[in-house]
Amino acid sequence: MTISKFAAGAALAAMLAAAPAANAGCLTGAAVGGVAGHYAGHHAVVGAIGGCVVGHHMAVMKKRREAAARAAARNGGPPPRP
């Protein structure tokens, strides 16, 4: 088990180091996922990786919604539906 945790940690570190600007939401999600994974059976690394993926996805979706709302306001149209 130690090698797989090490590999997962190394993969997470590589994702964080590869493109720091593109990792919006990853650190927050990783922190929350790590805590949740720890309390759900000592799977903190797996929880951190999953939290990073979910946090990044949520940040990207929020950014897209905000951009669509700005475009609608600029064009005078109704705001987009959630």
PDB file of N, CA and C in Angstrom:
ATOM      1  N   MET A   1       0.806  -1.198   0.000  1.00  0.00           N
ATOM      2  CA  MET A   1       0.000   0.000   0.000  1.00  0.00           C
ATOM      3  C   MET A   1       0.846   1.258   0.000  1.00  0.00           C
ATOM      4  N   THR A   2       2.023   1.223   0.559  1.00  0.00           N
ATOM      5  CA  THR A   2       2.844   2.421   0.660  1.00  0.00           C
ATOM      6  C   THR A   2       3.251   2.927  -0.716  1.00  0.00           C
ATOM      7  N   ILE A   3       3.559   2.036  -1.625  1.00  0.00           N
ATOM      8  CA  ILE A   3       3.972   2.454  -2.960  1.00  0.00           C
ATOM      9  C   ILE A   3       2.813   3.108  -3.692  1.00  0.00           C
ATOM     10  N   SER A   4       1.604   2.590  -3.574  1.00  0.00           N
ATOM     11  CA  SER A   4       0.479   3.193  -4.277  1.00  0.00           C
ATOM     12  C   SER A   4       0.147   4.569  -3.704  1.00  0.00           C
ATOM     13  N   LYS A   5       0.273   4.757  -2.391  1.00  0.00           N
ATOM     14  CA  LYS A   5       0.059   6.077  -1.805  1.00  0.00           C
ATOM     15  C   LYS A   5       1.142   7.036  -2.271  1.00  0.00           C
ATOM     16  N   PHE A   6       2.360   6.546  -2.378  1.00  0.00           N
ATOM     17  CA  PHE A   6       3.444   7.381  -2.862  1.00  0.00           C
ATOM     18  C   PHE A   6       3.189   7.783  -4.317  1.00  0.00           C
ATOM     19  N   ALA A   7       2.748   6.829  -5.133  1.00  0.00           N
ATOM     20  CA  ALA A   7       2.478   7.127  -6.536  1.00  0.00           C
ATOM     21  C   ALA A   7       1.331   8.121  -6.677  1.00  0.00           C
ATOM     22  N   ALA A   8       0.312   7.971  -5.861  1.00  0.00           N
ATOM     23  CA  ALA A   8      -0.804   8.907  -5.913  1.00  0.00           C
ATOM     24  C   ALA A   8      -0.364  10.292  -5.466  1.00  0.00           C
ATOM     25  N   GLY A   9       0.439  10.361  -4.442  1.00  0.00           N
ATOM     26  CA  GLY A   9       0.961  11.652  -3.987  1.00  0.00           C
ATOM     27  C   GLY A   9       1.860  12.293  -5.025  1.00  0.00           C
ATOM     28  N   ALA A  10       2.664  11.489  -5.690  1.00  0.00           N
ATOM     29  CA  ALA A  10       3.538  12.013  -6.740  1.00  0.00           C
ATOM     30  C   ALA A  10       2.719  12.515  -7.920  1.00  0.00           C
ATOM     31  N   ALA A  11       1.653  11.811  -8.261  1.00  0.00           N
ATOM     32  CA  ALA A  11       0.786  12.253  -9.357  1.00  0.00           C
ATOM     33  C   ALA A  11       0.101  13.562  -9.004  1.00  0.00           C
ATOM     34  N   LEU A  12      -0.350  13.699  -7.778  1.00  0.00           N
ATOM     35  CA  LEU A  12      -0.974  14.943  -7.339  1.00  0.00           C
ATOM     36  C   LEU A  12       0.036  16.086  -7.366  1.00  0.00           C
ATOM     37  N   ALA A  13       1.244  15.839  -6.898  1.00  0.00           N
ATOM     38  CA  ALA A  13       2.278  16.873  -6.920  1.00  0.00           C
ATOM     39  C   ALA A  13       2.619  17.284  -8.342  1.00  0.00           C
ATOM     40  N   ALA A  14       2.650  16.326  -9.255  1.00  0.00           N
ATOM     41  CA  ALA A  14       2.939  16.643 -10.650  1.00  0.00           C
ATOM     42  C   ALA A  14       1.827  17.492 -11.263  1.00  0.00           C
ATOM     43  N   MET A  15       0.580  17.196 -10.915  1.00  0.00           N
ATOM     44  CA  MET A  15      -0.534  18.000 -11.429  1.00  0.00           C
ATOM     45  C   MET A  15      -0.455  19.424 -10.905  1.00  0.00           C
ATOM     46  N   LEU A  16      -0.110  19.589  -9.643  1.00  0.00           N
ATOM     47  CA  LEU A  16      -0.041  20.918  -9.048  1.00  0.00           C
ATOM     48  C   LEU A  16       1.134  21.721  -9.604  1.00  0.00           C
ATOM     49  N   ALA A  17       2.241  21.056  -9.891  1.00  0.00           N
ATOM     50  CA  ALA A  17       3.424  21.754 -10.362  1.00  0.00           C
ATOM     51  C   ALA A  17       3.379  22.040 -11.861  1.00  0.00           C
ATOM     52  N   ALA A  18       2.598  21.278 -12.606  1.00  0.00           N
ATOM     53  CA  ALA A  18       2.602  21.395 -14.068  1.00  0.00           C
ATOM     54  C   ALA A  18       2.062  22.733 -14.547  1.00  0.00           C
ATOM     55  N   ALA A  19       0.923  23.149 -14.055  1.00  0.00           N
ATOM     56  CA  ALA A  19       0.309  24.388 -14.527  1.00  0.00           C
ATOM     57  C   ALA A  19      -0.394  25.078 -13.369  1.00  0.00           C
ATOM     58  N   PRO A  20       0.336  25.839 -12.570  1.00  0.00           N
ATOM     59  CA  PRO A  20      -0.276  26.451 -11.395  1.00  0.00           C
ATOM     60  C   PRO A  20      -1.446  27.373 -11.716  1.00  0.00           C
ATOM     61  N   ALA A  21      -1.425  28.051 -12.848  1.00  0.00           N
ATOM     62  CA  ALA A  21      -2.498  28.980 -13.187  1.00  0.00           C
ATOM     63  C   ALA A  21      -3.781  28.242 -13.550  1.00  0.00           C
ATOM     64  N   ALA A  22      -3.682  27.029 -14.015  1.00  0.00           N
ATOM     65  CA  ALA A  22      -4.855  26.287 -14.462  1.00  0.00           C
ATOM     66  C   ALA A  22      -5.471  25.429 -13.359  1.00  0.00           C
ATOM     67  N   ASN A  23      -4.972  25.518 -12.156  1.00  0.00           N
ATOM     68  CA  ASN A  23      -5.445  24.658 -11.079  1.00  0.00           C
ATOM     69  C   ASN A  23      -6.439  25.352 -10.164  1.00  0.00           C
ATOM     70  N   ALA A  24      -7.310  26.147 -10.712  1.00  0.00           N
ATOM     71  CA  ALA A  24      -8.301  26.854  -9.902  1.00  0.00           C
ATOM     72  C   ALA A  24      -9.185  25.842  -9.187  1.00  0.00           C
ATOM     73  N   GLY A  25      -9.313  25.985  -7.901  1.00  0.00           N
ATOM     74  CA  GLY A  25     -10.170  25.116  -7.107  1.00  0.00           C
ATOM     75  C   GLY A  25      -9.540  23.816  -6.678  1.00  0.00           C
ATOM     76  N   CYS A  26      -8.390  23.483  -7.215  1.00  0.00           N
ATOM     77  CA  CYS A  26      -7.777  22.189  -6.913  1.00  0.00           C
ATOM     78  C   CYS A  26      -7.301  22.123  -5.465  1.00  0.00           C
ATOM     79  N   LEU A  27      -6.645  23.152  -4.995  1.00  0.00           N
ATOM     80  CA  LEU A  27      -6.100  23.097  -3.636  1.00  0.00           C
ATOM     81  C   LEU A  27      -7.199  23.050  -2.587  1.00  0.00           C
ATOM     82  N   THR A  28      -8.240  23.843  -2.772  1.00  0.00           N
ATOM     83  CA  THR A  28      -9.357  23.818  -1.829  1.00  0.00           C
ATOM     84  C   THR A  28     -10.041  22.460  -1.851  1.00  0.00           C
ATOM     85  N   GLY A  29     -10.298  21.949  -3.052  1.00  0.00           N
ATOM     86  CA  GLY A  29     -10.934  20.636  -3.182  1.00  0.00           C
ATOM     87  C   GLY A  29     -10.076  19.529  -2.599  1.00  0.00           C
ATOM     88  N   ALA A  30      -8.762  19.631  -2.800  1.00  0.00           N
ATOM     89  CA  ALA A  30      -7.860  18.613  -2.266  1.00  0.00           C
ATOM     90  C   ALA A  30      -7.862  18.624  -0.741  1.00  0.00           C
ATOM     91  N   ALA A  31      -7.905  19.812  -0.169  1.00  0.00           N
ATOM     92  CA  ALA A  31      -7.935  19.899   1.297  1.00  0.00           C
ATOM     93  C   ALA A  31      -9.218  19.286   1.851  1.00  0.00           C
ATOM     94  N   VAL A  32     -10.341  19.643   1.267  1.00  0.00           N
ATOM     95  CA  VAL A  32     -11.628  19.109   1.734  1.00  0.00           C
ATOM     96  C   VAL A  32     -11.707  17.605   1.482  1.00  0.00           C
ATOM     97  N   GLY A  33     -11.293  17.181   0.300  1.00  0.00           N
ATOM     98  CA  GLY A  33     -11.321  15.753  -0.025  1.00  0.00           C
ATOM     99  C   GLY A  33     -10.379  14.941   0.843  1.00  0.00           C
ATOM    100  N   GLY A  34      -9.225  15.508   1.176  1.00  0.00           N
ATOM    101  CA  GLY A  34      -8.281  14.795   2.039  1.00  0.00           C
ATOM    102  C   GLY A  34      -8.828  14.577   3.428  1.00  0.00           C
ATOM    103  N   VAL A  35      -9.467  15.596   3.974  1.00  0.00           N
ATOM    104  CA  VAL A  35     -10.074  15.457   5.307  1.00  0.00           C
ATOM    105  C   VAL A  35     -11.216  14.446   5.262  1.00  0.00           C
ATOM    106  N   ALA A  36     -12.078  14.575   4.238  1.00  0.00           N
ATOM    107  CA  ALA A  36     -13.205  13.644   4.117  1.00  0.00           C
ATOM    108  C   ALA A  36     -12.706  12.212   3.920  1.00  0.00           C
ATOM    109  N   GLY A  37     -11.681  12.037   3.095  1.00  0.00           N
ATOM    110  CA  GLY A  37     -11.127  10.700   2.874  1.00  0.00           C
ATOM    111  C   GLY A  37     -10.500  10.122   4.119  1.00  0.00           C
ATOM    112  N   HIS A  38      -9.865  10.960   4.917  1.00  0.00           N
ATOM    113  CA  HIS A  38      -9.262  10.482   6.153  1.00  0.00           C
ATOM    114  C   HIS A  38     -10.321   9.945   7.104  1.00  0.00           C
ATOM    115  N   TYR A  39     -11.411  10.681   7.242  1.00  0.00           N
ATOM    116  CA  TYR A  39     -12.464  10.242   8.155  1.00  0.00           C
ATOM    117  C   TYR A  39     -13.311   9.112   7.581  1.00  0.00           C
ATOM    118  N   ALA A  40     -13.224   8.887   6.285  1.00  0.00           N
ATOM    119  CA  ALA A  40     -14.013   7.832   5.659  1.00  0.00           C
ATOM    120  C   ALA A  40     -13.175   6.572   5.447  1.00  0.00           C
ATOM    121  N   GLY A  41     -12.259   6.304   6.315  1.00  0.00           N
ATOM    122  CA  GLY A  41     -11.522   5.045   6.240  1.00  0.00           C
ATOM    123  C   GLY A  41     -10.054   5.215   5.926  1.00  0.00           C
ATOM    124  N   HIS A  42      -9.445   6.308   6.320  1.00  0.00           N
ATOM    125  CA  HIS A  42      -8.015   6.541   6.131  1.00  0.00           C
ATOM    126  C   HIS A  42      -7.606   6.484   4.662  1.00  0.00           C
ATOM    127  N   HIS A  43      -8.372   7.154   3.819  1.00  0.00           N
ATOM    128  CA  HIS A  43      -8.069   7.257   2.394  1.00  0.00           C
ATOM    129  C   HIS A  43      -7.851   8.718   2.030  1.00  0.00           C
ATOM    130  N   ALA A  44      -6.991   9.392   2.762  1.00  0.00           N
ATOM    131  CA  ALA A  44      -6.792  10.828   2.587  1.00  0.00           C
ATOM    132  C   ALA A  44      -6.222  11.157   1.214  1.00  0.00           C
ATOM    133  N   VAL A  45      -5.295  10.356   0.715  1.00  0.00           N
ATOM    134  CA  VAL A  45      -4.678  10.654  -0.581  1.00  0.00           C
ATOM    135  C   VAL A  45      -5.703  10.506  -1.704  1.00  0.00           C
ATOM    136  N   VAL A  46      -6.471   9.448  -1.651  1.00  0.00           N
ATOM    137  CA  VAL A  46      -7.503   9.247  -2.668  1.00  0.00           C
ATOM    138  C   VAL A  46      -8.542  10.360  -2.587  1.00  0.00           C
ATOM    139  N   GLY A  47      -8.922  10.748  -1.392  1.00  0.00           N
ATOM    140  CA  GLY A  47      -9.864  11.847  -1.219  1.00  0.00           C
ATOM    141  C   GLY A  47      -9.312  13.157  -1.720  1.00  0.00           C
ATOM    142  N   ALA A  48      -8.021  13.397  -1.510  1.00  0.00           N
ATOM    143  CA  ALA A  48      -7.402  14.634  -1.983  1.00  0.00           C
ATOM    144  C   ALA A  48      -7.369  14.687  -3.502  1.00  0.00           C
ATOM    145  N   ILE A  49      -7.072  13.581  -4.138  1.00  0.00           N
ATOM    146  CA  ILE A  49      -7.050  13.545  -5.602  1.00  0.00           C
ATOM    147  C   ILE A  49      -8.456  13.768  -6.151  1.00  0.00           C
ATOM    148  N   GLY A  50      -9.430  13.082  -5.588  1.00  0.00           N
ATOM    149  CA  GLY A  50     -10.818  13.280  -6.023  1.00  0.00           C
ATOM    150  C   GLY A  50     -11.304  14.689  -5.757  1.00  0.00           C
ATOM    151  N   GLY A  51     -10.941  15.241  -4.607  1.00  0.00           N
ATOM    152  CA  GLY A  51     -11.333  16.602  -4.279  1.00  0.00           C
ATOM    153  C   GLY A  51     -10.713  17.616  -5.224  1.00  0.00           C
ATOM    154  N   CYS A  52      -9.491  17.372  -5.638  1.00  0.00           N
ATOM    155  CA  CYS A  52      -8.824  18.253  -6.595  1.00  0.00           C
ATOM    156  C   CYS A  52      -9.568  18.257  -7.924  1.00  0.00           C
ATOM    157  N   VAL A  53      -9.947  17.087  -8.386  1.00  0.00           N
ATOM    158  CA  VAL A  53     -10.672  16.985  -9.661  1.00  0.00           C
ATOM    159  C   VAL A  53     -12.023  17.687  -9.570  1.00  0.00           C
ATOM    160  N   VAL A  54     -12.769  17.423  -8.520  1.00  0.00           N
ATOM    161  CA  VAL A  54     -14.090  18.031  -8.358  1.00  0.00           C
ATOM    162  C   VAL A  54     -13.978  19.538  -8.147  1.00  0.00           C
ATOM    163  N   GLY A  55     -13.036  19.973  -7.327  1.00  0.00           N
ATOM    164  CA  GLY A  55     -12.855  21.400  -7.081  1.00  0.00           C
ATOM    165  C   GLY A  55     -12.484  22.155  -8.341  1.00  0.00           C
ATOM    166  N   HIS A  56     -11.613  21.567  -9.163  1.00  0.00           N
ATOM    167  CA  HIS A  56     -11.240  22.212 -10.422  1.00  0.00           C
ATOM    168  C   HIS A  56     -12.433  22.301 -11.363  1.00  0.00           C
ATOM    169  N   HIS A  57     -13.206  21.224 -11.440  1.00  0.00           N
ATOM    170  CA  HIS A  57     -14.389  21.222 -12.304  1.00  0.00           C
ATOM    171  C   HIS A  57     -15.385  22.302 -11.871  1.00  0.00           C
ATOM    172  N   MET A  58     -15.616  22.401 -10.579  1.00  0.00           N
ATOM    173  CA  MET A  58     -16.556  23.405 -10.083  1.00  0.00           C
ATOM    174  C   MET A  58     -16.059  24.825 -10.354  1.00  0.00           C
ATOM    175  N   ALA A  59     -14.749  25.064 -10.221  1.00  0.00           N
ATOM    176  CA  ALA A  59     -14.188  26.388 -10.483  1.00  0.00           C
ATOM    177  C   ALA A  59     -14.322  26.755 -11.960  1.00  0.00           C
ATOM    178  N   VAL A  60     -14.099  25.789 -12.835  1.00  0.00           N
ATOM    179  CA  VAL A  60     -14.228  26.051 -14.272  1.00  0.00           C
ATOM    180  C   VAL A  60     -15.679  26.362 -14.628  1.00  0.00           C
ATOM    181  N   MET A  61     -16.614  25.605 -14.068  1.00  0.00           N
ATOM    182  CA  MET A  61     -18.027  25.856 -14.357  1.00  0.00           C
ATOM    183  C   MET A  61     -18.457  27.225 -13.830  1.00  0.00           C
ATOM    184  N   LYS A  62     -17.981  27.623 -12.670  1.00  0.00           N
ATOM    185  CA  LYS A  62     -18.307  28.945 -12.122  1.00  0.00           C
ATOM    186  C   LYS A  62     -17.757  30.044 -13.023  1.00  0.00           C
ATOM    187  N   LYS A  63     -16.538  29.861 -13.498  1.00  0.00           N
ATOM    188  CA  LYS A  63     -15.928  30.850 -14.385  1.00  0.00           C
ATOM    189  C   LYS A  63     -16.727  30.984 -15.679  1.00  0.00           C
ATOM    190  N   ARG A  64     -17.197  29.872 -16.227  1.00  0.00           N
ATOM    191  CA  ARG A  64     -17.999  29.912 -17.458  1.00  0.00           C
ATOM    192  C   ARG A  64     -19.334  30.609 -17.232  1.00  0.00           C
ATOM    193  N   ARG A  65     -19.987  30.325 -16.090  1.00  0.00           N
ATOM    194  CA  ARG A  65     -21.258  30.991 -15.787  1.00  0.00           C
ATOM    195  C   ARG A  65     -21.073  32.491 -15.655  1.00  0.00           C
ATOM    196  N   GLU A  66     -20.005  32.902 -14.968  1.00  0.00           N
ATOM    197  CA  GLU A  66     -19.746  34.332 -14.795  1.00  0.00           C
ATOM    198  C   GLU A  66     -19.447  35.007 -16.128  1.00  0.00           C
ATOM    199  N   ALA A  67     -18.706  34.347 -17.002  1.00  0.00           N
ATOM    200  CA  ALA A  67     -18.408  34.918 -18.315  1.00  0.00           C
ATOM    201  C   ALA A  67     -19.677  35.048 -19.149  1.00  0.00           C
ATOM    202  N   ALA A  68     -20.561  34.059 -19.068  1.00  0.00           N
ATOM    203  CA  ALA A  68     -21.819  34.121 -19.814  1.00  0.00           C
ATOM    204  C   ALA A  68     -22.710  35.239 -19.280  1.00  0.00           C
ATOM    205  N   ALA A  69     -22.719  35.430 -17.964  1.00  0.00           N
ATOM    206  CA  ALA A  69     -23.516  36.508 -17.372  1.00  0.00           C
ATOM    207  C   ALA A  69     -22.968  37.870 -17.785  1.00  0.00           C
ATOM    208  N   ARG A  70     -21.637  38.021 -17.822  1.00  0.00           N
ATOM    209  CA  ARG A  70     -21.047  39.291 -18.266  1.00  0.00           C
ATOM    210  C   ARG A  70     -21.370  39.554 -19.730  1.00  0.00           C
ATOM    211  N   ALA A  71     -21.312  38.525 -20.565  1.00  0.00           N
ATOM    212  CA  ALA A  71     -21.617  38.691 -21.988  1.00  0.00           C
ATOM    213  C   ALA A  71     -23.076  39.066 -22.181  1.00  0.00           C
ATOM    214  N   ALA A  72     -23.971  38.458 -21.419  1.00  0.00           N
ATOM    215  CA  ALA A  72     -25.396  38.779 -21.535  1.00  0.00           C
ATOM    216  C   ALA A  72     -25.668  40.207 -21.086  1.00  0.00           C
ATOM    217  N   ALA A  73     -24.995  40.640 -20.017  1.00  0.00           N
ATOM    218  CA  ALA A  73     -25.184  42.008 -19.528  1.00  0.00           C
ATOM    219  C   ALA A  73     -24.633  43.013 -20.540  1.00  0.00           C
ATOM    220  N   ARG A  74     -23.543  42.662 -21.175  1.00  0.00           N
ATOM    221  CA  ARG A  74     -22.931  43.529 -22.164  1.00  0.00           C
ATOM    222  C   ARG A  74     -23.818  43.653 -23.414  1.00  0.00           C
ATOM    223  N   ASN A  75     -24.488  42.574 -23.767  1.00  0.00           N
ATOM    224  CA  ASN A  75     -25.339  42.559 -24.970  1.00  0.00           C
ATOM    225  C   ASN A  75     -26.770  42.984 -24.671  1.00  0.00           C
ATOM    226  N   GLY A  76     -27.109  43.190 -23.428  1.00  0.00           N
ATOM    227  CA  GLY A  76     -28.462  43.622 -23.073  1.00  0.00           C
ATOM    228  C   GLY A  76     -29.487  42.513 -23.058  1.00  0.00           C
ATOM    229  N   GLY A  77     -29.067  41.284 -23.106  1.00  0.00           N
ATOM    230  CA  GLY A  77     -29.981  40.152 -23.083  1.00  0.00           C
ATOM    231  C   GLY A  77     -30.250  39.690 -21.673  1.00  0.00           C
ATOM    232  N   PRO A  78     -31.138  38.714 -21.519  1.00  0.00           N
ATOM    233  CA  PRO A  78     -31.402  38.186 -20.177  1.00  0.00           C
ATOM    234  C   PRO A  78     -30.221  37.373 -19.693  1.00  0.00           C
ATOM    235  N   PRO A  79     -30.012  37.276 -18.397  1.00  0.00           N
ATOM    236  CA  PRO A  79     -28.909  36.473 -17.876  1.00  0.00           C
ATOM    237  C   PRO A  79     -29.140  34.995 -18.181  1.00  0.00           C
ATOM    238  N   PRO A  80     -28.075  34.238 -18.326  1.00  0.00           N
ATOM    239  CA  PRO A  80     -28.235  32.810 -18.629  1.00  0.00           C
ATOM    240  C   PRO A  80     -28.854  32.055 -17.470  1.00  0.00           C
ATOM    241  N   ARG A  81     -29.514  30.969 -17.806  1.00  0.00           N
ATOM    242  CA  ARG A  81     -30.110  30.116 -16.772  1.00  0.00           C
ATOM    243  C   ARG A  81     -29.030  29.288 -16.117  1.00  0.00           C
ATOM    244  N   PRO A  82     -29.174  29.005 -14.824  1.00  0.00           N
ATOM    245  CA  PRO A  82     -28.137  28.215 -14.121  1.00  0.00           C
ATOM    246  C   PRO A  82     -28.068  26.795 -14.554  1.00  0.00           C
TER     247      PRO A  82
END
